[in-house]
Amino acid sequence: MDLQHAMRSIIRGVPRIALGGVPAERAGVSRLAWRRLGVRPTGIRLFSDFTDGGDIPFAHSADGGGFAPPLSWAD
């Protein structure tokens, strides 16, 4: 986190929290980059060797070596 962001968060957020209420800086759909740019994301298809709804293969688990699964995407 850079210093400018930290200072802005403190200056804007702490008084609201101390006095009650919700900070002006909030996460949410309106803060997403694609929303701010005025574009709509397209559907991205992700492919892996995982079975839909199945277990993570042992080789890709922390106990099995933690190897990154082969992933690919389209669109």
N, C-alpha and C. Protein backbone atom coordinates (compact mmCIF):
# COMPACT_ATOMS: atom_id res chain seq x y z
N MET A 1 0.86 -1.17 0.00
CA MET A 1 0.00 0.00 0.00
C MET A 1 0.90 1.23 0.00
N ASP A 2 0.62 2.18 -0.87
CA ASP A 2 1.45 3.37 -0.90
C ASP A 2 0.99 4.39 0.15
N LEU A 3 1.85 5.33 0.43
CA LEU A 3 1.60 6.30 1.49
C LEU A 3 0.38 7.17 1.19
N GLN A 4 0.20 7.57 -0.05
CA GLN A 4 -0.94 8.41 -0.41
C GLN A 4 -2.26 7.70 -0.13
N HIS A 5 -2.34 6.43 -0.49
CA HIS A 5 -3.56 5.66 -0.25
C HIS A 5 -3.80 5.50 1.25
N ALA A 6 -2.73 5.23 2.00
CA ALA A 6 -2.87 5.06 3.45
C ALA A 6 -3.37 6.34 4.10
N MET A 7 -2.81 7.46 3.72
CA MET A 7 -3.23 8.74 4.31
C MET A 7 -4.68 9.07 3.95
N ARG A 8 -5.05 8.84 2.70
CA ARG A 8 -6.43 9.11 2.28
C ARG A 8 -7.41 8.23 3.05
N SER A 9 -7.05 6.97 3.25
CA SER A 9 -7.92 6.06 3.99
C SER A 9 -8.08 6.51 5.44
N ILE A 10 -7.00 6.94 6.04
CA ILE A 10 -7.06 7.41 7.43
C ILE A 10 -7.88 8.68 7.55
N ILE A 11 -7.59 9.64 6.69
CA ILE A 11 -8.28 10.94 6.76
C ILE A 11 -9.77 10.79 6.50
N ARG A 12 -10.14 9.96 5.52
CA ARG A 12 -11.55 9.79 5.19
C ARG A 12 -12.26 8.78 6.07
N GLY A 13 -11.57 7.73 6.46
CA GLY A 13 -12.24 6.62 7.13
C GLY A 13 -12.35 6.71 8.62
N VAL A 14 -11.29 7.12 9.30
CA VAL A 14 -11.28 7.08 10.77
C VAL A 14 -12.36 7.97 11.39
N PRO A 15 -12.53 9.22 10.96
CA PRO A 15 -13.60 10.02 11.59
C PRO A 15 -14.98 9.39 11.43
N ARG A 16 -15.26 8.81 10.28
CA ARG A 16 -16.57 8.19 10.08
C ARG A 16 -16.74 6.97 10.98
N ILE A 17 -15.68 6.19 11.13
CA ILE A 17 -15.77 5.01 11.99
C ILE A 17 -15.90 5.44 13.44
N ALA A 18 -15.13 6.44 13.86
CA ALA A 18 -15.16 6.90 15.25
C ALA A 18 -16.51 7.52 15.61
N LEU A 19 -17.12 8.22 14.67
CA LEU A 19 -18.39 8.89 14.93
C LEU A 19 -19.58 8.03 14.54
N GLY A 20 -19.30 6.87 14.00
CA GLY A 20 -20.38 5.99 13.56
C GLY A 20 -20.64 6.17 12.09
N GLY A 21 -21.01 5.14 11.46
CA GLY A 21 -21.30 5.23 10.04
C GLY A 21 -20.36 4.37 9.23
N VAL A 22 -20.45 4.50 7.96
CA VAL A 22 -19.69 3.68 7.03
C VAL A 22 -18.70 4.58 6.30
N PRO A 23 -17.43 4.16 6.18
CA PRO A 23 -16.46 4.97 5.44
C PRO A 23 -16.89 5.20 4.00
N ALA A 24 -16.51 6.34 3.45
CA ALA A 24 -16.84 6.66 2.06
C ALA A 24 -16.11 5.74 1.09
N GLU A 25 -14.92 5.31 1.45
CA GLU A 25 -14.15 4.41 0.60
C GLU A 25 -14.61 2.99 0.87
N ARG A 26 -15.36 2.43 -0.04
CA ARG A 26 -15.89 1.08 0.15
C ARG A 26 -15.65 0.26 -1.09
N ALA A 27 -15.54 -1.02 -0.89
CA ALA A 27 -15.45 -1.94 -2.02
C ALA A 27 -16.85 -2.17 -2.56
N GLY A 28 -16.94 -2.64 -3.75
CA GLY A 28 -18.23 -2.94 -4.33
C GLY A 28 -18.17 -2.92 -5.84
N VAL A 29 -19.26 -3.26 -6.44
CA VAL A 29 -19.34 -3.35 -7.89
C VAL A 29 -19.01 -2.02 -8.55
N SER A 30 -19.43 -0.91 -7.96
CA SER A 30 -19.19 0.39 -8.57
C SER A 30 -17.71 0.75 -8.62
N ARG A 31 -16.88 0.09 -7.83
CA ARG A 31 -15.45 0.39 -7.79
C ARG A 31 -14.62 -0.52 -8.68
N LEU A 32 -15.25 -1.47 -9.36
CA LEU A 32 -14.52 -2.36 -10.24
C LEU A 32 -14.01 -1.59 -11.46
N ALA A 33 -12.83 -1.97 -11.94
CA ALA A 33 -12.21 -1.26 -13.06
C ALA A 33 -13.10 -1.25 -14.30
N TRP A 34 -13.70 -2.38 -14.64
CA TRP A 34 -14.51 -2.41 -15.85
C TRP A 34 -15.72 -1.49 -15.72
N ARG A 35 -16.25 -1.33 -14.52
CA ARG A 35 -17.39 -0.44 -14.32
C ARG A 35 -16.96 1.02 -14.48
N ARG A 36 -15.80 1.36 -13.92
CA ARG A 36 -15.31 2.73 -14.01
C ARG A 36 -14.93 3.10 -15.44
N LEU A 37 -14.48 2.13 -16.22
CA LEU A 37 -14.12 2.39 -17.61
C LEU A 37 -15.32 2.39 -18.54
N GLY A 38 -16.46 1.93 -18.04
CA GLY A 38 -17.68 1.94 -18.84
C GLY A 38 -17.74 0.83 -19.87
N VAL A 39 -17.09 -0.29 -19.59
CA VAL A 39 -17.12 -1.43 -20.50
C VAL A 39 -17.75 -2.61 -19.78
N ARG A 40 -18.17 -3.58 -20.54
CA ARG A 40 -18.73 -4.81 -19.95
C ARG A 40 -17.74 -5.94 -20.17
N PRO A 41 -17.46 -6.72 -19.16
CA PRO A 41 -16.56 -7.86 -19.36
C PRO A 41 -17.23 -8.92 -20.22
N THR A 42 -16.42 -9.59 -20.99
CA THR A 42 -16.96 -10.69 -21.79
C THR A 42 -16.79 -11.97 -21.00
N GLY A 43 -17.48 -13.00 -21.41
CA GLY A 43 -17.37 -14.27 -20.73
C GLY A 43 -16.00 -14.90 -20.96
N ILE A 44 -15.32 -15.22 -19.92
CA ILE A 44 -14.04 -15.90 -20.02
C ILE A 44 -14.25 -17.34 -19.61
N ARG A 45 -13.79 -18.25 -20.43
CA ARG A 45 -13.92 -19.68 -20.11
C ARG A 45 -12.57 -20.17 -19.60
N LEU A 46 -12.59 -20.79 -18.44
CA LEU A 46 -11.39 -21.32 -17.81
C LEU A 46 -11.41 -22.84 -17.90
N PHE A 47 -10.28 -23.42 -18.32
CA PHE A 47 -10.17 -24.86 -18.46
C PHE A 47 -9.07 -25.37 -17.54
N SER A 48 -9.32 -26.51 -16.90
CA SER A 48 -8.31 -27.16 -16.06
C SER A 48 -8.53 -28.67 -16.12
N ASP A 49 -7.68 -29.40 -15.40
CA ASP A 49 -7.87 -30.85 -15.36
C ASP A 49 -8.72 -31.27 -14.17
N PHE A 50 -9.34 -30.31 -13.49
CA PHE A 50 -10.23 -30.62 -12.38
C PHE A 50 -11.58 -31.10 -12.94
N THR A 51 -12.20 -32.00 -12.22
CA THR A 51 -13.55 -32.40 -12.61
C THR A 51 -14.54 -31.47 -11.93
N ASP A 52 -15.60 -31.14 -12.61
CA ASP A 52 -16.59 -30.21 -12.09
C ASP A 52 -17.21 -30.77 -10.81
N GLY A 53 -17.03 -30.07 -9.71
CA GLY A 53 -17.57 -30.49 -8.43
C GLY A 53 -16.75 -31.55 -7.73
N GLY A 54 -15.62 -31.95 -8.33
CA GLY A 54 -14.79 -33.00 -7.76
C GLY A 54 -13.71 -32.46 -6.83
N ASP A 55 -12.90 -33.35 -6.35
CA ASP A 55 -11.80 -32.99 -5.47
C ASP A 55 -10.64 -32.41 -6.28
N ILE A 56 -9.81 -31.62 -5.60
CA ILE A 56 -8.59 -31.13 -6.22
C ILE A 56 -7.64 -32.32 -6.33
N PRO A 57 -7.04 -32.55 -7.50
CA PRO A 57 -6.10 -33.66 -7.62
C PRO A 57 -4.97 -33.55 -6.59
N PHE A 58 -4.56 -34.70 -6.05
CA PHE A 58 -3.58 -34.74 -4.96
C PHE A 58 -2.30 -34.00 -5.31
N ALA A 59 -1.83 -34.11 -6.55
CA ALA A 59 -0.57 -33.46 -6.95
C ALA A 59 -0.63 -31.95 -6.81
N HIS A 60 -1.83 -31.38 -6.86
CA HIS A 60 -1.99 -29.93 -6.77
C HIS A 60 -2.31 -29.45 -5.36
N SER A 61 -2.37 -30.36 -4.41
CA SER A 61 -2.65 -29.98 -3.02
C SER A 61 -1.34 -29.70 -2.29
N ALA A 62 -1.43 -29.11 -1.12
CA ALA A 62 -0.23 -28.82 -0.32
C ALA A 62 0.47 -30.11 0.09
N ASP A 63 -0.28 -31.18 0.34
CA ASP A 63 0.31 -32.45 0.75
C ASP A 63 0.94 -33.20 -0.43
N GLY A 64 0.49 -32.92 -1.61
CA GLY A 64 0.98 -33.63 -2.78
C GLY A 64 2.05 -32.89 -3.55
N GLY A 65 2.57 -31.84 -3.04
CA GLY A 65 3.64 -31.12 -3.72
C GLY A 65 3.27 -29.70 -4.08
N GLY A 66 2.00 -29.40 -4.12
CA GLY A 66 1.55 -28.04 -4.40
C GLY A 66 1.86 -27.56 -5.80
N PHE A 67 1.92 -28.49 -6.77
CA PHE A 67 2.19 -28.08 -8.15
C PHE A 67 1.00 -27.30 -8.71
N ALA A 68 1.31 -26.26 -9.46
CA ALA A 68 0.25 -25.46 -10.07
C ALA A 68 -0.50 -26.30 -11.09
N PRO A 69 -1.81 -26.24 -11.10
CA PRO A 69 -2.56 -27.02 -12.09
C PRO A 69 -2.42 -26.39 -13.47
N PRO A 70 -2.50 -27.21 -14.51
CA PRO A 70 -2.47 -26.65 -15.85
C PRO A 70 -3.79 -25.94 -16.12
N LEU A 71 -3.71 -24.66 -16.35
CA LEU A 71 -4.90 -23.85 -16.63
C LEU A 71 -4.78 -23.21 -18.01
N SER A 72 -5.88 -23.07 -18.67
CA SER A 72 -5.94 -22.32 -19.92
C SER A 72 -7.27 -21.61 -19.98
N TRP A 73 -7.36 -20.58 -20.79
CA TRP A 73 -8.60 -19.84 -20.89
C TRP A 73 -8.82 -19.40 -22.34
N ALA A 74 -10.04 -19.07 -22.63
CA ALA A 74 -10.44 -18.62 -23.96
C ALA A 74 -11.43 -17.48 -23.83
N ASP A 75 -11.55 -16.73 -24.89
CA ASP A 75 -12.45 -15.56 -24.97
C ASP A 75 -11.99 -14.51 -24.01
